N, C-alpha and C. Protein backbone atom coordinates (compact mmCIF):
# COMPACT_ATOMS: atom_id res chain seq x y z
N MET A 1 15.99 0.78 -33.72
CA MET A 1 17.33 1.12 -34.14
C MET A 1 18.37 0.30 -33.37
N ALA A 2 18.16 0.14 -32.04
CA ALA A 2 19.11 -0.61 -31.23
C ALA A 2 19.15 -2.07 -31.68
N GLU A 3 17.98 -2.61 -32.02
CA GLU A 3 17.95 -4.00 -32.48
C GLU A 3 18.77 -4.18 -33.75
N GLU A 4 18.71 -3.20 -34.66
CA GLU A 4 19.47 -3.28 -35.90
C GLU A 4 20.97 -3.28 -35.61
N PHE A 5 21.39 -2.40 -34.66
CA PHE A 5 22.80 -2.35 -34.30
C PHE A 5 23.24 -3.67 -33.67
N ASP A 6 22.40 -4.21 -32.76
CA ASP A 6 22.73 -5.47 -32.12
C ASP A 6 22.85 -6.59 -33.15
N HIS A 7 21.90 -6.64 -34.08
CA HIS A 7 21.92 -7.68 -35.11
C HIS A 7 23.18 -7.56 -35.97
N THR A 8 23.50 -6.34 -36.41
CA THR A 8 24.68 -6.12 -37.23
C THR A 8 25.93 -6.55 -36.47
N SER A 9 26.01 -6.17 -35.19
CA SER A 9 27.17 -6.53 -34.39
C SER A 9 27.29 -8.03 -34.21
N MET A 10 26.15 -8.70 -34.01
CA MET A 10 26.20 -10.15 -33.85
C MET A 10 26.61 -10.82 -35.16
N SER A 11 26.16 -10.27 -36.29
CA SER A 11 26.59 -10.85 -37.57
C SER A 11 28.07 -10.54 -37.81
N LEU A 12 28.51 -9.37 -37.35
CA LEU A 12 29.93 -9.02 -37.45
C LEU A 12 30.77 -10.01 -36.64
N LEU A 13 30.34 -10.32 -35.44
CA LEU A 13 31.07 -11.29 -34.63
C LEU A 13 31.07 -12.66 -35.30
N GLY A 14 29.94 -13.02 -35.90
CA GLY A 14 29.88 -14.29 -36.62
C GLY A 14 30.86 -14.35 -37.77
N ARG A 15 30.98 -13.24 -38.51
CA ARG A 15 31.94 -13.20 -39.63
C ARG A 15 33.38 -13.20 -39.11
N ALA A 16 33.61 -12.52 -37.99
CA ALA A 16 34.96 -12.50 -37.42
C ALA A 16 35.37 -13.90 -36.95
N LYS A 17 34.39 -14.66 -36.47
CA LYS A 17 34.67 -16.04 -36.05
C LYS A 17 35.17 -16.89 -37.22
N THR A 18 34.76 -16.52 -38.45
CA THR A 18 35.21 -17.27 -39.63
C THR A 18 36.49 -16.68 -40.23
N HIS A 19 37.13 -15.78 -39.47
CA HIS A 19 38.42 -15.16 -39.87
C HIS A 19 38.29 -14.25 -41.09
N ASP A 20 37.15 -13.62 -41.23
CA ASP A 20 36.93 -12.67 -42.32
C ASP A 20 37.73 -11.39 -42.03
N ASP A 21 38.68 -11.05 -42.92
CA ASP A 21 39.56 -9.89 -42.71
C ASP A 21 38.78 -8.58 -42.59
N ASP A 22 37.77 -8.39 -43.43
CA ASP A 22 36.97 -7.16 -43.36
C ASP A 22 36.23 -7.07 -42.02
N ALA A 23 35.74 -8.19 -41.55
CA ALA A 23 35.04 -8.20 -40.26
C ALA A 23 36.00 -7.82 -39.13
N TRP A 24 37.22 -8.31 -39.19
CA TRP A 24 38.20 -7.97 -38.16
C TRP A 24 38.58 -6.49 -38.20
N ARG A 25 38.72 -5.96 -39.41
CA ARG A 25 39.01 -4.52 -39.52
C ARG A 25 37.87 -3.71 -38.91
N GLN A 26 36.66 -4.11 -39.21
CA GLN A 26 35.49 -3.40 -38.69
C GLN A 26 35.39 -3.57 -37.17
N LEU A 27 35.68 -4.76 -36.68
CA LEU A 27 35.64 -5.02 -35.24
C LEU A 27 36.64 -4.12 -34.50
N VAL A 28 37.85 -4.02 -35.03
CA VAL A 28 38.88 -3.17 -34.42
C VAL A 28 38.46 -1.70 -34.54
N HIS A 29 37.88 -1.33 -35.67
CA HIS A 29 37.44 0.05 -35.87
C HIS A 29 36.32 0.43 -34.88
N LEU A 30 35.40 -0.50 -34.65
CA LEU A 30 34.27 -0.22 -33.76
C LEU A 30 34.65 -0.26 -32.29
N TYR A 31 35.41 -1.28 -31.91
CA TYR A 31 35.67 -1.50 -30.49
C TYR A 31 37.05 -1.03 -30.03
N GLY A 32 37.94 -0.73 -30.96
CA GLY A 32 39.27 -0.24 -30.60
C GLY A 32 39.23 1.03 -29.75
N PRO A 33 38.43 2.04 -30.14
CA PRO A 33 38.36 3.25 -29.32
C PRO A 33 37.87 2.98 -27.89
N LEU A 34 36.97 2.02 -27.74
CA LEU A 34 36.47 1.66 -26.42
C LEU A 34 37.59 1.04 -25.58
N VAL A 35 38.37 0.16 -26.19
CA VAL A 35 39.52 -0.46 -25.50
C VAL A 35 40.49 0.64 -25.06
N GLN A 36 40.79 1.57 -25.97
CA GLN A 36 41.72 2.66 -25.63
C GLN A 36 41.16 3.52 -24.51
N LYS A 37 39.87 3.79 -24.53
CA LYS A 37 39.24 4.60 -23.47
C LYS A 37 39.40 3.92 -22.11
N TRP A 38 39.11 2.62 -22.07
CA TRP A 38 39.24 1.89 -20.80
C TRP A 38 40.69 1.90 -20.32
N CYS A 39 41.63 1.77 -21.24
CA CYS A 39 43.05 1.81 -20.87
C CYS A 39 43.42 3.17 -20.29
N ARG A 40 42.97 4.23 -20.94
CA ARG A 40 43.26 5.59 -20.45
C ARG A 40 42.62 5.81 -19.08
N GLN A 41 41.40 5.31 -18.90
CA GLN A 41 40.72 5.47 -17.61
C GLN A 41 41.47 4.74 -16.49
N SER A 42 42.19 3.70 -16.86
CA SER A 42 42.96 2.96 -15.85
C SER A 42 44.30 3.62 -15.55
N GLY A 43 44.60 4.69 -16.28
CA GLY A 43 45.84 5.43 -16.02
C GLY A 43 47.04 4.92 -16.80
N LEU A 44 46.81 4.09 -17.81
CA LEU A 44 47.94 3.57 -18.58
C LEU A 44 48.55 4.65 -19.47
N GLN A 45 49.86 4.59 -19.64
CA GLN A 45 50.58 5.46 -20.56
C GLN A 45 50.27 4.98 -21.99
N ASP A 46 50.59 5.80 -23.00
CA ASP A 46 50.31 5.44 -24.40
C ASP A 46 50.95 4.12 -24.80
N GLU A 47 52.19 3.92 -24.39
CA GLU A 47 52.91 2.69 -24.74
C GLU A 47 52.23 1.46 -24.14
N ASP A 48 51.83 1.56 -22.87
CA ASP A 48 51.15 0.45 -22.21
C ASP A 48 49.76 0.23 -22.81
N THR A 49 49.09 1.31 -23.18
CA THR A 49 47.78 1.19 -23.83
C THR A 49 47.92 0.40 -25.13
N ALA A 50 48.96 0.70 -25.89
CA ALA A 50 49.18 -0.02 -27.16
C ALA A 50 49.40 -1.51 -26.90
N ASP A 51 50.15 -1.83 -25.85
CA ASP A 51 50.39 -3.25 -25.52
C ASP A 51 49.10 -3.95 -25.12
N VAL A 52 48.32 -3.31 -24.24
CA VAL A 52 47.05 -3.91 -23.79
C VAL A 52 46.09 -4.04 -24.96
N PHE A 53 46.05 -3.02 -25.83
CA PHE A 53 45.21 -3.05 -27.02
C PHE A 53 45.53 -4.28 -27.88
N GLN A 54 46.82 -4.45 -28.17
CA GLN A 54 47.24 -5.57 -29.01
C GLN A 54 46.93 -6.92 -28.35
N GLU A 55 47.24 -7.03 -27.08
CA GLU A 55 47.00 -8.30 -26.39
C GLU A 55 45.51 -8.60 -26.25
N THR A 56 44.70 -7.55 -26.12
CA THR A 56 43.25 -7.74 -26.03
C THR A 56 42.71 -8.33 -27.33
N PHE A 57 43.10 -7.75 -28.46
CA PHE A 57 42.58 -8.27 -29.73
C PHE A 57 43.18 -9.63 -30.09
N GLN A 58 44.37 -9.93 -29.61
CA GLN A 58 44.92 -11.28 -29.79
C GLN A 58 44.08 -12.28 -29.00
N ALA A 59 43.71 -11.90 -27.77
CA ALA A 59 42.89 -12.78 -26.94
C ALA A 59 41.51 -12.99 -27.56
N ILE A 60 40.94 -11.92 -28.12
CA ILE A 60 39.64 -12.05 -28.79
C ILE A 60 39.77 -13.01 -29.96
N SER A 61 40.81 -12.84 -30.76
CA SER A 61 41.03 -13.71 -31.91
C SER A 61 41.14 -15.18 -31.49
N LYS A 62 41.83 -15.39 -30.41
CA LYS A 62 42.07 -16.75 -29.93
C LYS A 62 40.81 -17.39 -29.34
N ASN A 63 39.96 -16.56 -28.71
CA ASN A 63 38.83 -17.10 -27.95
C ASN A 63 37.45 -16.77 -28.50
N LEU A 64 37.37 -16.07 -29.61
CA LEU A 64 36.06 -15.66 -30.14
C LEU A 64 35.18 -16.86 -30.48
N ALA A 65 35.76 -17.93 -30.93
CA ALA A 65 34.96 -19.11 -31.28
C ALA A 65 34.22 -19.67 -30.06
N ASN A 66 34.77 -19.44 -28.87
CA ASN A 66 34.15 -19.94 -27.64
C ASN A 66 33.18 -18.94 -27.01
N PHE A 67 33.11 -17.73 -27.57
CA PHE A 67 32.23 -16.70 -27.02
C PHE A 67 30.78 -17.05 -27.31
N LYS A 68 29.98 -17.12 -26.25
CA LYS A 68 28.55 -17.40 -26.38
C LYS A 68 27.78 -16.22 -25.80
N PRO A 69 27.20 -15.40 -26.67
CA PRO A 69 26.50 -14.20 -26.18
C PRO A 69 25.26 -14.55 -25.37
N SER A 70 25.04 -13.76 -24.33
CA SER A 70 23.82 -13.96 -23.55
C SER A 70 22.84 -12.81 -23.76
N LYS A 71 23.38 -11.61 -24.04
CA LYS A 71 22.51 -10.45 -24.25
C LYS A 71 23.02 -9.63 -25.42
N SER A 72 23.25 -10.22 -26.52
CA SER A 72 23.66 -9.53 -27.73
C SER A 72 24.92 -8.71 -27.53
N VAL A 73 24.90 -7.47 -28.01
CA VAL A 73 26.10 -6.63 -28.01
C VAL A 73 26.59 -6.31 -26.60
N ALA A 74 25.68 -6.08 -25.66
CA ALA A 74 26.09 -5.76 -24.29
C ALA A 74 26.93 -6.89 -23.71
N SER A 75 26.60 -8.10 -24.08
CA SER A 75 27.36 -9.25 -23.62
C SER A 75 28.78 -9.23 -24.18
N PHE A 76 28.93 -8.88 -25.46
CA PHE A 76 30.26 -8.80 -26.05
C PHE A 76 31.06 -7.69 -25.38
N ARG A 77 30.45 -6.56 -25.14
CA ARG A 77 31.16 -5.45 -24.48
C ARG A 77 31.62 -5.85 -23.09
N SER A 78 30.79 -6.56 -22.37
CA SER A 78 31.17 -7.03 -21.03
C SER A 78 32.36 -7.99 -21.12
N TRP A 79 32.29 -8.89 -22.08
CA TRP A 79 33.38 -9.84 -22.29
C TRP A 79 34.65 -9.09 -22.68
N LEU A 80 34.52 -8.12 -23.56
CA LEU A 80 35.65 -7.31 -23.99
C LEU A 80 36.26 -6.56 -22.81
N LYS A 81 35.43 -5.97 -21.99
CA LYS A 81 35.94 -5.21 -20.83
C LYS A 81 36.66 -6.14 -19.85
N THR A 82 36.16 -7.34 -19.69
CA THR A 82 36.83 -8.32 -18.83
C THR A 82 38.21 -8.65 -19.37
N ILE A 83 38.32 -8.80 -20.67
CA ILE A 83 39.62 -9.08 -21.28
C ILE A 83 40.57 -7.91 -21.06
N VAL A 84 40.08 -6.68 -21.27
CA VAL A 84 40.92 -5.49 -21.06
C VAL A 84 41.40 -5.42 -19.61
N ARG A 85 40.50 -5.67 -18.67
CA ARG A 85 40.88 -5.67 -17.25
C ARG A 85 41.97 -6.71 -16.98
N THR A 86 41.77 -7.91 -17.50
CA THR A 86 42.73 -8.98 -17.28
C THR A 86 44.10 -8.61 -17.86
N LYS A 87 44.11 -8.07 -19.06
CA LYS A 87 45.38 -7.68 -19.69
C LYS A 87 46.04 -6.52 -18.93
N THR A 88 45.22 -5.63 -18.36
CA THR A 88 45.76 -4.53 -17.56
C THR A 88 46.40 -5.07 -16.29
N VAL A 89 45.73 -6.00 -15.63
CA VAL A 89 46.29 -6.62 -14.42
C VAL A 89 47.58 -7.38 -14.77
N ASP A 90 47.57 -8.10 -15.88
CA ASP A 90 48.78 -8.81 -16.32
C ASP A 90 49.94 -7.83 -16.51
N LEU A 91 49.65 -6.68 -17.11
CA LEU A 91 50.68 -5.66 -17.31
C LEU A 91 51.23 -5.18 -15.98
N LEU A 92 50.33 -4.94 -15.03
CA LEU A 92 50.75 -4.50 -13.70
C LEU A 92 51.64 -5.54 -13.03
N ARG A 93 51.23 -6.79 -13.10
CA ARG A 93 52.05 -7.85 -12.50
C ARG A 93 53.41 -7.93 -13.16
N HIS A 94 53.42 -7.85 -14.48
CA HIS A 94 54.68 -7.91 -15.23
C HIS A 94 55.59 -6.74 -14.85
N ARG A 95 55.01 -5.55 -14.75
CA ARG A 95 55.79 -4.36 -14.39
C ARG A 95 56.38 -4.52 -12.99
N THR A 96 55.59 -5.04 -12.05
CA THR A 96 56.07 -5.22 -10.68
C THR A 96 57.23 -6.20 -10.65
N VAL A 97 57.13 -7.28 -11.40
CA VAL A 97 58.22 -8.26 -11.47
C VAL A 97 59.45 -7.62 -12.08
N LEU A 98 59.28 -6.85 -13.16
CA LEU A 98 60.42 -6.19 -13.81
C LEU A 98 61.11 -5.20 -12.88
N VAL A 99 60.33 -4.42 -12.16
CA VAL A 99 60.92 -3.43 -11.26
C VAL A 99 61.75 -4.14 -10.19
N SER A 100 61.20 -5.19 -9.58
CA SER A 100 61.96 -5.85 -8.54
C SER A 100 63.16 -6.62 -9.08
N ALA A 101 63.09 -7.10 -10.32
CA ALA A 101 64.23 -7.82 -10.89
C ALA A 101 65.29 -6.86 -11.43
N THR A 102 64.86 -5.69 -11.89
CA THR A 102 65.79 -4.74 -12.50
C THR A 102 66.58 -3.95 -11.48
N TYR A 103 65.94 -3.63 -10.37
CA TYR A 103 66.58 -2.75 -9.40
C TYR A 103 66.89 -3.51 -8.12
N PRO A 104 68.17 -3.85 -7.90
CA PRO A 104 68.51 -4.56 -6.66
C PRO A 104 68.33 -3.63 -5.47
N TYR A 105 67.73 -4.13 -4.43
CA TYR A 105 67.44 -3.28 -3.29
C TYR A 105 68.53 -3.38 -2.22
N ASP A 106 69.71 -2.89 -2.51
CA ASP A 106 70.73 -2.79 -1.48
C ASP A 106 70.87 -1.33 -1.08
N GLU A 107 71.44 -1.07 0.07
CA GLU A 107 71.48 0.29 0.60
C GLU A 107 72.22 1.27 -0.29
N GLU A 108 73.34 0.83 -0.88
CA GLU A 108 74.12 1.73 -1.73
C GLU A 108 73.32 2.16 -2.95
N TRP A 109 72.67 1.17 -3.58
CA TRP A 109 71.89 1.48 -4.77
C TRP A 109 70.70 2.36 -4.42
N LEU A 110 69.98 1.99 -3.35
CA LEU A 110 68.80 2.76 -2.96
C LEU A 110 69.15 4.18 -2.52
N GLY A 111 70.38 4.40 -2.10
CA GLY A 111 70.80 5.72 -1.68
C GLY A 111 71.02 6.68 -2.84
N SER A 112 71.11 6.16 -4.06
CA SER A 112 71.35 7.04 -5.20
C SER A 112 70.06 7.74 -5.62
N ARG A 113 70.19 8.96 -6.09
CA ARG A 113 69.03 9.75 -6.51
C ARG A 113 68.34 9.10 -7.71
N ARG A 114 69.12 8.59 -8.64
CA ARG A 114 68.56 7.96 -9.85
C ARG A 114 67.70 6.75 -9.48
N ALA A 115 68.20 5.93 -8.57
CA ALA A 115 67.45 4.75 -8.15
C ALA A 115 66.14 5.17 -7.49
N PHE A 116 66.23 6.16 -6.63
CA PHE A 116 65.04 6.63 -5.94
C PHE A 116 63.98 7.09 -6.94
N THR A 117 64.38 7.85 -7.94
CA THR A 117 63.46 8.37 -8.94
C THR A 117 62.80 7.24 -9.73
N LYS A 118 63.59 6.25 -10.15
CA LYS A 118 63.04 5.13 -10.93
C LYS A 118 62.05 4.31 -10.10
N VAL A 119 62.42 4.01 -8.88
CA VAL A 119 61.54 3.20 -8.04
C VAL A 119 60.27 3.99 -7.71
N ARG A 120 60.40 5.28 -7.41
CA ARG A 120 59.24 6.11 -7.10
C ARG A 120 58.28 6.17 -8.29
N THR A 121 58.82 6.37 -9.50
CA THR A 121 57.99 6.44 -10.70
C THR A 121 57.26 5.12 -10.94
N ALA A 122 57.97 4.01 -10.86
CA ALA A 122 57.35 2.69 -11.06
C ALA A 122 56.28 2.43 -9.99
N TRP A 123 56.59 2.82 -8.77
CA TRP A 123 55.64 2.61 -7.69
C TRP A 123 54.38 3.43 -7.90
N ARG A 124 54.53 4.69 -8.29
CA ARG A 124 53.37 5.55 -8.52
C ARG A 124 52.48 5.00 -9.63
N ARG A 125 53.09 4.54 -10.72
CA ARG A 125 52.29 3.98 -11.82
C ARG A 125 51.54 2.75 -11.35
N SER A 126 52.23 1.87 -10.64
CA SER A 126 51.59 0.65 -10.14
C SER A 126 50.50 0.99 -9.14
N ARG A 127 50.77 1.95 -8.27
CA ARG A 127 49.80 2.34 -7.26
C ARG A 127 48.54 2.91 -7.91
N SER A 128 48.69 3.78 -8.91
CA SER A 128 47.50 4.35 -9.54
C SER A 128 46.70 3.27 -10.25
N LEU A 129 47.36 2.30 -10.83
CA LEU A 129 46.67 1.22 -11.50
C LEU A 129 45.95 0.33 -10.48
N VAL A 130 46.60 0.04 -9.36
CA VAL A 130 45.97 -0.76 -8.31
C VAL A 130 44.75 -0.04 -7.76
N GLU A 131 44.86 1.27 -7.56
CA GLU A 131 43.72 2.04 -7.07
C GLU A 131 42.56 1.99 -8.07
N TRP A 132 42.87 2.13 -9.36
CA TRP A 132 41.82 2.07 -10.37
C TRP A 132 41.17 0.69 -10.37
N LEU A 133 41.98 -0.35 -10.29
CA LEU A 133 41.44 -1.71 -10.28
C LEU A 133 40.54 -1.93 -9.07
N ALA A 134 40.97 -1.44 -7.92
CA ALA A 134 40.17 -1.60 -6.71
C ALA A 134 38.81 -0.90 -6.85
N ASP A 135 38.78 0.22 -7.54
CA ASP A 135 37.54 0.97 -7.73
C ASP A 135 36.65 0.39 -8.82
N ASN A 136 37.24 -0.29 -9.81
CA ASN A 136 36.49 -0.65 -11.01
C ASN A 136 36.33 -2.14 -11.27
N VAL A 137 37.05 -2.98 -10.58
CA VAL A 137 36.96 -4.42 -10.85
C VAL A 137 36.28 -5.09 -9.66
N THR A 138 35.17 -5.70 -9.92
CA THR A 138 34.40 -6.38 -8.88
C THR A 138 35.20 -7.55 -8.33
N GLY A 139 35.26 -7.62 -7.02
CA GLY A 139 35.94 -8.74 -6.36
C GLY A 139 37.43 -8.58 -6.25
N TYR A 140 38.00 -7.45 -6.69
CA TYR A 140 39.45 -7.24 -6.61
C TYR A 140 39.77 -6.47 -5.34
N THR A 141 40.65 -7.01 -4.52
CA THR A 141 41.13 -6.26 -3.35
C THR A 141 42.64 -6.29 -3.36
N PRO A 142 43.28 -5.11 -3.30
CA PRO A 142 44.75 -5.07 -3.28
C PRO A 142 45.27 -5.64 -1.97
N GLU A 143 46.39 -6.30 -2.04
CA GLU A 143 46.99 -6.89 -0.83
C GLU A 143 47.80 -5.86 -0.11
C-alpha cells in the first residue's frame, strides 16, 4: 500500500512539474494541511500561517523542476519542511526588521504604555518562534 502511495505521489510531482493545474490542486490539497500544521507548531498566528503557506507553494512552484527525490515521498516531505522552516525564519527576520524600523527607541516613546505593549507583543512572538526554531531546526542556534 505504501508503495502505491509513493508511486502516485511521485507521478503527481511529475505532473506538477509540467504545470498541470489538476496536479497543483491535488498537491495543495494533500500537502497544504501539513504546511499549516508545521506553521501552527511553530507558533505562527493565522495571518502569518497564510503568508508562509503562500510563499511555500510559490517556492515549490519555482523550484520543483530542480527537485531530485532520493527516497520517494519522504524526500519530498523533507524538502517541503525545509522550505516551510526557511519561510518561517524569513518571516521572523522580516518582523524583527519591521519592529525596529516602526518603533523608534527613544526614552519618551518607550515610556508610553502603548509602545511598551506593542514592543512586548512583538518580542514575545519573535521569542516563541526563535525558541521553536532552536528546538526543531538542526544547526540553528539563536544569537
